[in-house]
Amino acid sequence: METKDDLIIATVRQLRGVAAKYARTEELPISVEDGVEVTTREAHTIEAVGNRKQVSVTDVANAFGITKSAASQMVSRLCDKGFLDKKQSPHSNKEFQLTLTPLGQKAFEAHERFHGQDRAALIERLRGFSLSQIATISVMLEAIGEVMDNRLSR
């Protein structure tokens, strides 16, 4: 018979496998239009900009828990590809406001379709779970997230 610790270790191992698959999906291309693709990671940045009226590079960094430098690199890449516009903020000489270009809006919509299919499949699959099962998963993920936050803050 498995002990509670054995079950925890097995569950964490499963989670690591899911996390590895998730990381691979983040690099899958999303077709925007003929000959134009974005990675899922790029699309998430486009989504962060598209979901708000006023977005800065700092906002992008905070939304994804990454450094401002990493966010700036992603924003620059998306500007170079024609998905984002970056204009000087009226509130600060150090900040830029980000907006979607028409191509960025197409990418935003393509990303929503792409993730909408996954979201619908997950909802359908998890709908059979009880509320207490879903709550347990949520609490477990929160605990694992706290351990990861502690490791990252060292």
N, C-alpha and C. Protein backbone atom coordinates (compact mmCIF):
# COMPACT_ATOMS: atom_id res chain seq x y z
N MET A 1 0.84 -1.19 0.00
CA MET A 1 0.00 0.00 0.00
C MET A 1 0.89 1.25 0.00
N GLU A 2 0.49 2.19 -0.83
CA GLU A 2 1.25 3.44 -0.92
C GLU A 2 1.01 4.31 0.31
N THR A 3 2.06 4.99 0.71
CA THR A 3 1.90 5.95 1.81
C THR A 3 1.44 7.28 1.22
N LYS A 4 1.03 8.16 2.09
CA LYS A 4 0.63 9.50 1.67
C LYS A 4 1.79 10.20 0.97
N ASP A 5 3.01 10.07 1.54
CA ASP A 5 4.19 10.69 0.93
C ASP A 5 4.46 10.13 -0.47
N ASP A 6 4.27 8.81 -0.65
CA ASP A 6 4.45 8.20 -1.97
C ASP A 6 3.47 8.79 -2.98
N LEU A 7 2.23 8.97 -2.55
CA LEU A 7 1.21 9.54 -3.42
C LEU A 7 1.53 10.99 -3.77
N ILE A 8 2.02 11.75 -2.79
CA ILE A 8 2.42 13.14 -3.05
C ILE A 8 3.54 13.17 -4.07
N ILE A 9 4.55 12.35 -3.89
CA ILE A 9 5.69 12.30 -4.82
C ILE A 9 5.23 11.91 -6.22
N ALA A 10 4.35 10.93 -6.32
CA ALA A 10 3.84 10.51 -7.62
C ALA A 10 3.03 11.62 -8.29
N THR A 11 2.26 12.35 -7.48
CA THR A 11 1.45 13.45 -8.02
C THR A 11 2.35 14.58 -8.52
N VAL A 12 3.38 14.90 -7.75
CA VAL A 12 4.32 15.94 -8.18
C VAL A 12 5.04 15.51 -9.46
N ARG A 13 5.38 14.23 -9.56
CA ARG A 13 6.01 13.71 -10.78
C ARG A 13 5.07 13.90 -11.98
N GLN A 14 3.78 13.60 -11.77
CA GLN A 14 2.80 13.82 -12.83
C GLN A 14 2.74 15.29 -13.22
N LEU A 15 2.74 16.15 -12.22
CA LEU A 15 2.69 17.59 -12.48
C LEU A 15 3.90 18.04 -13.28
N ARG A 16 5.09 17.52 -12.95
CA ARG A 16 6.29 17.86 -13.71
C ARG A 16 6.13 17.46 -15.17
N GLY A 17 5.55 16.30 -15.41
CA GLY A 17 5.29 15.86 -16.79
C GLY A 17 4.34 16.80 -17.52
N VAL A 18 3.28 17.21 -16.82
CA VAL A 18 2.33 18.15 -17.41
C VAL A 18 3.01 19.48 -17.67
N ALA A 19 3.84 19.94 -16.72
CA ALA A 19 4.55 21.22 -16.89
C ALA A 19 5.48 21.16 -18.10
N ALA A 20 6.15 20.02 -18.31
CA ALA A 20 7.04 19.87 -19.47
C ALA A 20 6.24 19.93 -20.77
N LYS A 21 5.09 19.28 -20.79
CA LYS A 21 4.23 19.34 -21.98
C LYS A 21 3.73 20.76 -22.21
N TYR A 22 3.35 21.43 -21.13
CA TYR A 22 2.89 22.81 -21.24
C TYR A 22 3.97 23.69 -21.82
N ALA A 23 5.20 23.52 -21.34
CA ALA A 23 6.32 24.31 -21.87
C ALA A 23 6.50 24.08 -23.36
N ARG A 24 6.33 22.84 -23.80
CA ARG A 24 6.44 22.56 -25.25
C ARG A 24 5.31 23.23 -26.03
N THR A 25 4.10 23.25 -25.45
CA THR A 25 2.99 23.88 -26.16
C THR A 25 3.19 25.39 -26.28
N GLU A 26 3.94 25.97 -25.35
CA GLU A 26 4.21 27.41 -25.40
C GLU A 26 5.02 27.79 -26.64
N GLU A 27 5.68 26.85 -27.24
CA GLU A 27 6.49 27.13 -28.43
C GLU A 27 5.78 26.73 -29.73
N LEU A 28 4.60 26.14 -29.63
CA LEU A 28 3.86 25.77 -30.83
C LEU A 28 3.43 27.03 -31.58
N PRO A 29 3.56 27.00 -32.89
CA PRO A 29 3.14 28.19 -33.66
C PRO A 29 1.62 28.29 -33.76
N ILE A 30 1.16 29.53 -33.77
CA ILE A 30 -0.25 29.83 -34.00
C ILE A 30 -0.31 30.61 -35.30
N SER A 31 -1.08 30.09 -36.24
CA SER A 31 -1.21 30.76 -37.53
C SER A 31 -2.10 31.99 -37.38
N VAL A 32 -1.58 33.14 -37.82
CA VAL A 32 -2.32 34.39 -37.75
C VAL A 32 -3.00 34.65 -39.08
N GLU A 33 -2.24 34.52 -40.15
CA GLU A 33 -2.73 34.60 -41.52
C GLU A 33 -1.71 33.89 -42.39
N ASP A 34 -1.94 33.79 -43.67
CA ASP A 34 -1.02 33.07 -44.54
C ASP A 34 0.42 33.55 -44.37
N GLY A 35 1.29 32.62 -43.97
CA GLY A 35 2.70 32.92 -43.84
C GLY A 35 3.09 33.68 -42.58
N VAL A 36 2.14 33.95 -41.69
CA VAL A 36 2.43 34.70 -40.46
C VAL A 36 2.01 33.84 -39.26
N GLU A 37 2.99 33.60 -38.38
CA GLU A 37 2.75 32.81 -37.18
C GLU A 37 3.35 33.53 -35.97
N VAL A 38 2.83 33.17 -34.81
CA VAL A 38 3.43 33.60 -33.54
C VAL A 38 3.52 32.37 -32.65
N THR A 39 4.48 32.38 -31.71
CA THR A 39 4.51 31.32 -30.71
C THR A 39 3.41 31.62 -29.70
N THR A 40 3.06 30.61 -28.95
CA THR A 40 2.06 30.82 -27.90
C THR A 40 2.56 31.85 -26.89
N ARG A 41 3.86 31.81 -26.58
CA ARG A 41 4.43 32.78 -25.63
C ARG A 41 4.27 34.21 -26.18
N GLU A 42 4.55 34.39 -27.47
CA GLU A 42 4.34 35.71 -28.08
C GLU A 42 2.87 36.10 -28.03
N ALA A 43 2.01 35.12 -28.31
CA ALA A 43 0.57 35.39 -28.30
C ALA A 43 0.08 35.79 -26.92
N HIS A 44 0.69 35.22 -25.87
CA HIS A 44 0.28 35.61 -24.51
C HIS A 44 0.62 37.07 -24.24
N THR A 45 1.75 37.52 -24.76
CA THR A 45 2.10 38.93 -24.60
C THR A 45 1.13 39.80 -25.38
N ILE A 46 0.80 39.38 -26.58
CA ILE A 46 -0.19 40.10 -27.40
C ILE A 46 -1.53 40.14 -26.66
N GLU A 47 -1.90 39.03 -26.04
CA GLU A 47 -3.15 38.98 -25.28
C GLU A 47 -3.12 39.97 -24.11
N ALA A 48 -1.99 40.03 -23.40
CA ALA A 48 -1.88 40.95 -22.26
C ALA A 48 -2.06 42.39 -22.70
N VAL A 49 -1.54 42.72 -23.87
CA VAL A 49 -1.70 44.08 -24.40
C VAL A 49 -3.14 44.29 -24.88
N GLY A 50 -3.68 43.31 -25.56
CA GLY A 50 -5.03 43.43 -26.12
C GLY A 50 -6.14 43.48 -25.09
N ASN A 51 -5.88 42.94 -23.90
CA ASN A 51 -6.91 42.90 -22.86
C ASN A 51 -7.03 44.19 -22.07
N ARG A 52 -6.10 45.13 -22.27
CA ARG A 52 -6.10 46.36 -21.47
C ARG A 52 -6.00 47.58 -22.38
N LYS A 53 -6.44 48.70 -21.84
CA LYS A 53 -6.34 49.96 -22.59
C LYS A 53 -4.94 50.56 -22.49
N GLN A 54 -4.39 50.59 -21.28
CA GLN A 54 -3.08 51.19 -21.04
C GLN A 54 -2.13 50.10 -20.54
N VAL A 55 -1.13 49.74 -21.33
CA VAL A 55 -0.19 48.70 -20.96
C VAL A 55 1.22 49.21 -21.21
N SER A 56 2.09 48.99 -20.22
CA SER A 56 3.50 49.35 -20.37
C SER A 56 4.34 48.07 -20.36
N VAL A 57 5.62 48.21 -20.65
CA VAL A 57 6.54 47.07 -20.59
C VAL A 57 6.57 46.53 -19.16
N THR A 58 6.56 47.42 -18.18
CA THR A 58 6.54 47.00 -16.77
C THR A 58 5.30 46.18 -16.46
N ASP A 59 4.14 46.59 -17.01
CA ASP A 59 2.90 45.82 -16.81
C ASP A 59 3.04 44.42 -17.39
N VAL A 60 3.66 44.31 -18.56
CA VAL A 60 3.87 43.00 -19.18
C VAL A 60 4.76 42.15 -18.29
N ALA A 61 5.85 42.72 -17.79
CA ALA A 61 6.77 42.00 -16.90
C ALA A 61 6.02 41.50 -15.66
N ASN A 62 5.24 42.37 -15.06
CA ASN A 62 4.50 42.00 -13.85
C ASN A 62 3.45 40.93 -14.14
N ALA A 63 2.79 41.02 -15.28
CA ALA A 63 1.75 40.05 -15.63
C ALA A 63 2.30 38.64 -15.76
N PHE A 64 3.55 38.53 -16.22
CA PHE A 64 4.13 37.21 -16.46
C PHE A 64 5.18 36.81 -15.44
N GLY A 65 5.44 37.68 -14.48
CA GLY A 65 6.43 37.35 -13.46
C GLY A 65 7.83 37.21 -14.03
N ILE A 66 8.15 38.06 -15.01
CA ILE A 66 9.47 38.04 -15.63
C ILE A 66 10.15 39.38 -15.40
N THR A 67 11.43 39.44 -15.73
CA THR A 67 12.14 40.71 -15.56
C THR A 67 11.67 41.71 -16.58
N LYS A 68 11.89 42.98 -16.27
CA LYS A 68 11.54 44.04 -17.20
C LYS A 68 12.37 43.90 -18.48
N SER A 69 13.61 43.46 -18.33
CA SER A 69 14.49 43.25 -19.49
C SER A 69 13.92 42.18 -20.42
N ALA A 70 13.47 41.07 -19.85
CA ALA A 70 12.89 39.99 -20.67
C ALA A 70 11.62 40.47 -21.36
N ALA A 71 10.79 41.21 -20.63
CA ALA A 71 9.56 41.75 -21.22
C ALA A 71 9.90 42.72 -22.34
N SER A 72 10.91 43.55 -22.13
CA SER A 72 11.32 44.52 -23.14
C SER A 72 11.80 43.82 -24.41
N GLN A 73 12.53 42.72 -24.24
CA GLN A 73 12.99 41.96 -25.41
C GLN A 73 11.82 41.39 -26.19
N MET A 74 10.84 40.83 -25.46
CA MET A 74 9.66 40.26 -26.13
C MET A 74 8.88 41.36 -26.84
N VAL A 75 8.69 42.49 -26.17
CA VAL A 75 7.96 43.60 -26.77
C VAL A 75 8.68 44.11 -28.02
N SER A 76 9.98 44.25 -27.95
CA SER A 76 10.75 44.70 -29.12
C SER A 76 10.60 43.73 -30.28
N ARG A 77 10.66 42.43 -29.98
CA ARG A 77 10.50 41.42 -31.03
C ARG A 77 9.12 41.53 -31.68
N LEU A 78 8.09 41.72 -30.85
CA LEU A 78 6.73 41.83 -31.38
C LEU A 78 6.52 43.14 -32.15
N CYS A 79 7.20 44.20 -31.74
CA CYS A 79 7.15 45.45 -32.50
C CYS A 79 7.82 45.26 -33.86
N ASP A 80 8.99 44.62 -33.86
CA ASP A 80 9.72 44.37 -35.11
C ASP A 80 8.90 43.51 -36.07
N LYS A 81 8.12 42.58 -35.54
CA LYS A 81 7.30 41.69 -36.37
C LYS A 81 5.99 42.36 -36.82
N GLY A 82 5.70 43.54 -36.26
CA GLY A 82 4.51 44.27 -36.67
C GLY A 82 3.25 43.97 -35.88
N PHE A 83 3.39 43.35 -34.71
CA PHE A 83 2.21 43.02 -33.89
C PHE A 83 1.87 44.09 -32.87
N LEU A 84 2.88 44.83 -32.41
CA LEU A 84 2.66 45.85 -31.39
C LEU A 84 3.22 47.19 -31.84
N ASP A 85 2.60 48.26 -31.34
CA ASP A 85 3.13 49.61 -31.46
C ASP A 85 3.56 50.05 -30.08
N LYS A 86 4.67 50.78 -30.02
CA LYS A 86 5.20 51.28 -28.75
C LYS A 86 5.36 52.78 -28.89
N LYS A 87 4.65 53.51 -28.03
CA LYS A 87 4.70 54.97 -28.05
C LYS A 87 5.07 55.49 -26.66
N GLN A 88 5.72 56.64 -26.63
CA GLN A 88 6.11 57.27 -25.36
C GLN A 88 4.87 57.51 -24.50
N SER A 89 4.96 57.17 -23.24
CA SER A 89 3.87 57.38 -22.31
C SER A 89 3.72 58.86 -22.01
N PRO A 90 2.49 59.37 -21.97
CA PRO A 90 2.30 60.78 -21.62
C PRO A 90 2.61 61.04 -20.13
N HIS A 91 2.68 59.96 -19.33
CA HIS A 91 2.89 60.11 -17.89
C HIS A 91 4.35 60.02 -17.46
N SER A 92 5.21 59.47 -18.34
CA SER A 92 6.60 59.24 -17.94
C SER A 92 7.50 59.16 -19.17
N ASN A 93 8.66 59.78 -19.07
CA ASN A 93 9.63 59.70 -20.16
C ASN A 93 10.31 58.34 -20.21
N LYS A 94 10.20 57.58 -19.11
CA LYS A 94 10.86 56.27 -19.05
C LYS A 94 9.97 55.12 -19.49
N GLU A 95 8.68 55.35 -19.60
CA GLU A 95 7.73 54.29 -19.94
C GLU A 95 7.18 54.46 -21.35
N PHE A 96 6.79 53.34 -21.93
CA PHE A 96 6.14 53.32 -23.22
C PHE A 96 4.78 52.65 -23.07
N GLN A 97 3.81 53.14 -23.82
CA GLN A 97 2.49 52.53 -23.87
C GLN A 97 2.44 51.62 -25.08
N LEU A 98 1.88 50.44 -24.88
CA LEU A 98 1.81 49.43 -25.94
C LEU A 98 0.38 49.29 -26.43
N THR A 99 0.25 49.15 -27.74
CA THR A 99 -1.05 48.89 -28.35
C THR A 99 -0.89 47.86 -29.44
N LEU A 100 -1.98 47.21 -29.79
CA LEU A 100 -1.96 46.24 -30.88
C LEU A 100 -2.05 46.96 -32.22
N THR A 101 -1.32 46.45 -33.18
CA THR A 101 -1.48 46.88 -34.56
C THR A 101 -2.64 46.07 -35.15
N PRO A 102 -3.09 46.36 -36.36
CA PRO A 102 -4.12 45.50 -36.97
C PRO A 102 -3.67 44.03 -37.05
N LEU A 103 -2.38 43.81 -37.37
CA LEU A 103 -1.87 42.43 -37.40
C LEU A 103 -1.88 41.85 -35.98
N GLY A 104 -1.55 42.65 -34.99
CA GLY A 104 -1.61 42.21 -33.59
C GLY A 104 -3.03 41.83 -33.18
N GLN A 105 -4.01 42.57 -33.66
CA GLN A 105 -5.41 42.24 -33.37
C GLN A 105 -5.77 40.89 -33.99
N LYS A 106 -5.28 40.61 -35.20
CA LYS A 106 -5.52 39.30 -35.82
C LYS A 106 -4.87 38.19 -34.99
N ALA A 107 -3.66 38.44 -34.50
CA ALA A 107 -2.97 37.45 -33.67
C ALA A 107 -3.73 37.24 -32.36
N PHE A 108 -4.24 38.31 -31.78
CA PHE A 108 -5.05 38.24 -30.56
C PHE A 108 -6.24 37.32 -30.77
N GLU A 109 -6.93 37.50 -31.88
CA GLU A 109 -8.11 36.69 -32.20
C GLU A 109 -7.73 35.24 -32.50
N ALA A 110 -6.62 35.02 -33.21
CA ALA A 110 -6.15 33.67 -33.51
C ALA A 110 -5.80 32.93 -32.22
N HIS A 111 -5.15 33.64 -31.30
CA HIS A 111 -4.78 33.04 -30.01
C HIS A 111 -6.03 32.65 -29.22
N GLU A 112 -7.03 33.50 -29.24
CA GLU A 112 -8.27 33.19 -28.53
C GLU A 112 -8.92 31.94 -29.10
N ARG A 113 -8.92 31.80 -30.42
CA ARG A 113 -9.48 30.60 -31.04
C ARG A 113 -8.66 29.36 -30.63
N PHE A 114 -7.33 29.50 -30.68
CA PHE A 114 -6.41 28.42 -30.36
C PHE A 114 -6.63 27.93 -28.93
N HIS A 115 -6.63 28.85 -27.96
CA HIS A 115 -6.81 28.47 -26.57
C HIS A 115 -8.27 28.18 -26.24
N GLY A 116 -9.17 28.77 -26.99
CA GLY A 116 -10.58 28.51 -26.76
C GLY A 116 -10.92 27.04 -26.94
N GLN A 117 -10.27 26.39 -27.90
CA GLN A 117 -10.50 24.96 -28.12
C GLN A 117 -10.00 24.15 -26.93
N ASP A 118 -8.79 24.48 -26.44
CA ASP A 118 -8.24 23.78 -25.27
C ASP A 118 -9.10 24.03 -24.04
N ARG A 119 -9.50 25.28 -23.86
CA ARG A 119 -10.31 25.64 -22.70
C ARG A 119 -11.63 24.87 -22.72
N ALA A 120 -12.27 24.79 -23.87
CA ALA A 120 -13.54 24.07 -23.98
C ALA A 120 -13.34 22.59 -23.67
N ALA A 121 -12.24 22.01 -24.16
CA ALA A 121 -11.96 20.59 -23.89
C ALA A 121 -11.70 20.36 -22.40
N LEU A 122 -10.97 21.27 -21.77
CA LEU A 122 -10.70 21.13 -20.33
C LEU A 122 -11.97 21.27 -19.51
N ILE A 123 -12.78 22.24 -19.85
CA ILE A 123 -14.03 22.43 -19.12
C ILE A 123 -14.90 21.19 -19.25
N GLU A 124 -14.98 20.66 -20.46
CA GLU A 124 -15.78 19.46 -20.68
C GLU A 124 -15.24 18.29 -19.87
N ARG A 125 -13.93 18.11 -19.87
CA ARG A 125 -13.29 17.01 -19.13
C ARG A 125 -13.44 17.17 -17.63
N LEU A 126 -13.26 18.38 -17.12
CA LEU A 126 -13.30 18.61 -15.68
C LEU A 126 -14.70 18.83 -15.12
N ARG A 127 -15.66 19.00 -15.99
CA ARG A 127 -17.04 19.21 -15.55
C ARG A 127 -17.53 18.03 -14.72
N GLY A 128 -16.97 16.86 -14.97
CA GLY A 128 -17.36 15.67 -14.21
C GLY A 128 -16.79 15.62 -12.81
N PHE A 129 -15.86 16.51 -12.47
CA PHE A 129 -15.28 16.56 -11.14
C PHE A 129 -16.25 17.27 -10.19
N SER A 130 -16.21 16.85 -8.93
CA SER A 130 -17.02 17.55 -7.93
C SER A 130 -16.34 18.87 -7.58
N LEU A 131 -17.11 19.76 -6.98
CA LEU A 131 -16.54 21.04 -6.54
C LEU A 131 -15.41 20.83 -5.54
N SER A 132 -15.55 19.85 -4.67
CA SER A 132 -14.49 19.60 -3.69
C SER A 132 -13.22 19.07 -4.36
N GLN A 133 -13.37 18.27 -5.41
CA GLN A 133 -12.18 17.80 -6.14
C GLN A 133 -11.46 18.97 -6.81
N ILE A 134 -12.21 19.85 -7.43
CA ILE A 134 -11.62 21.02 -8.08
C ILE A 134 -10.96 21.92 -7.04
N ALA A 135 -11.61 22.11 -5.90
CA ALA A 135 -11.03 22.92 -4.83
C ALA A 135 -9.74 22.30 -4.32
N THR A 136 -9.69 20.98 -4.21
CA THR A 136 -8.49 20.30 -3.76
C THR A 136 -7.34 20.51 -4.75
N ILE A 137 -7.64 20.39 -6.02
CA ILE A 137 -6.61 20.63 -7.04
C ILE A 137 -6.10 22.06 -6.95
N SER A 138 -7.00 23.00 -6.77
CA SER A 138 -6.63 24.40 -6.68
C SER A 138 -5.70 24.65 -5.48
N VAL A 139 -6.05 24.09 -4.34
CA VAL A 139 -5.23 24.26 -3.13
C VAL A 139 -3.86 23.60 -3.33
N MET A 140 -3.84 22.43 -3.95
CA MET A 140 -2.58 21.74 -4.21
C MET A 140 -1.68 22.57 -5.13
N LEU A 141 -2.25 23.11 -6.19
CA LEU A 141 -1.47 23.94 -7.11
C LEU A 141 -0.96 25.20 -6.43
N GLU A 142 -1.76 25.77 -5.56
CA GLU A 142 -1.33 26.94 -4.80
C GLU A 142 -0.13 26.60 -3.92
N ALA A 143 -0.17 25.44 -3.26
CA ALA A 143 0.94 25.02 -2.39
C ALA A 143 2.21 24.79 -3.22
N ILE A 144 2.08 24.14 -4.35
CA ILE A 144 3.24 23.91 -5.21
C ILE A 144 3.77 25.24 -5.73
N GLY A 145 2.88 26.15 -6.07
CA GLY A 145 3.29 27.48 -6.52
C GLY A 145 4.08 28.23 -5.46
N GLU A 146 3.67 28.10 -4.21
CA GLU A 146 4.38 28.76 -3.11
C GLU A 146 5.79 28.19 -2.95
N VAL A 147 5.93 26.88 -3.09
CA VAL A 147 7.27 26.27 -3.02
C VAL A 147 8.13 26.78 -4.16
N MET A 148 7.57 26.89 -5.35
CA MET A 148 8.32 27.40 -6.51
C MET A 148 8.69 28.88 -6.31
N ASP A 149 7.74 29.66 -5.76
CA ASP A 149 8.05 31.08 -5.48
C ASP A 149 9.22 31.19 -4.51
N ASN A 150 9.22 30.34 -3.48
CA ASN A 150 10.33 30.36 -2.52
C ASN A 150 11.65 30.02 -3.19
N ARG A 151 11.64 29.04 -4.05
CA ARG A 151 12.88 28.68 -4.75
C ARG A 151 13.34 29.81 -5.65
N LEU A 152 12.42 30.43 -6.36
CA LEU A 152 12.78 31.51 -7.27
C LEU A 152 13.28 32.76 -6.54
N SER A 153 12.84 32.95 -5.31
CA SER A 153 13.24 34.15 -4.57
C SER A 153 14.59 33.99 -3.88
N ARG A 154 15.15 32.81 -3.90
CA ARG A 154 16.47 32.60 -3.25
C ARG A 154 17.58 33.16 -4.08
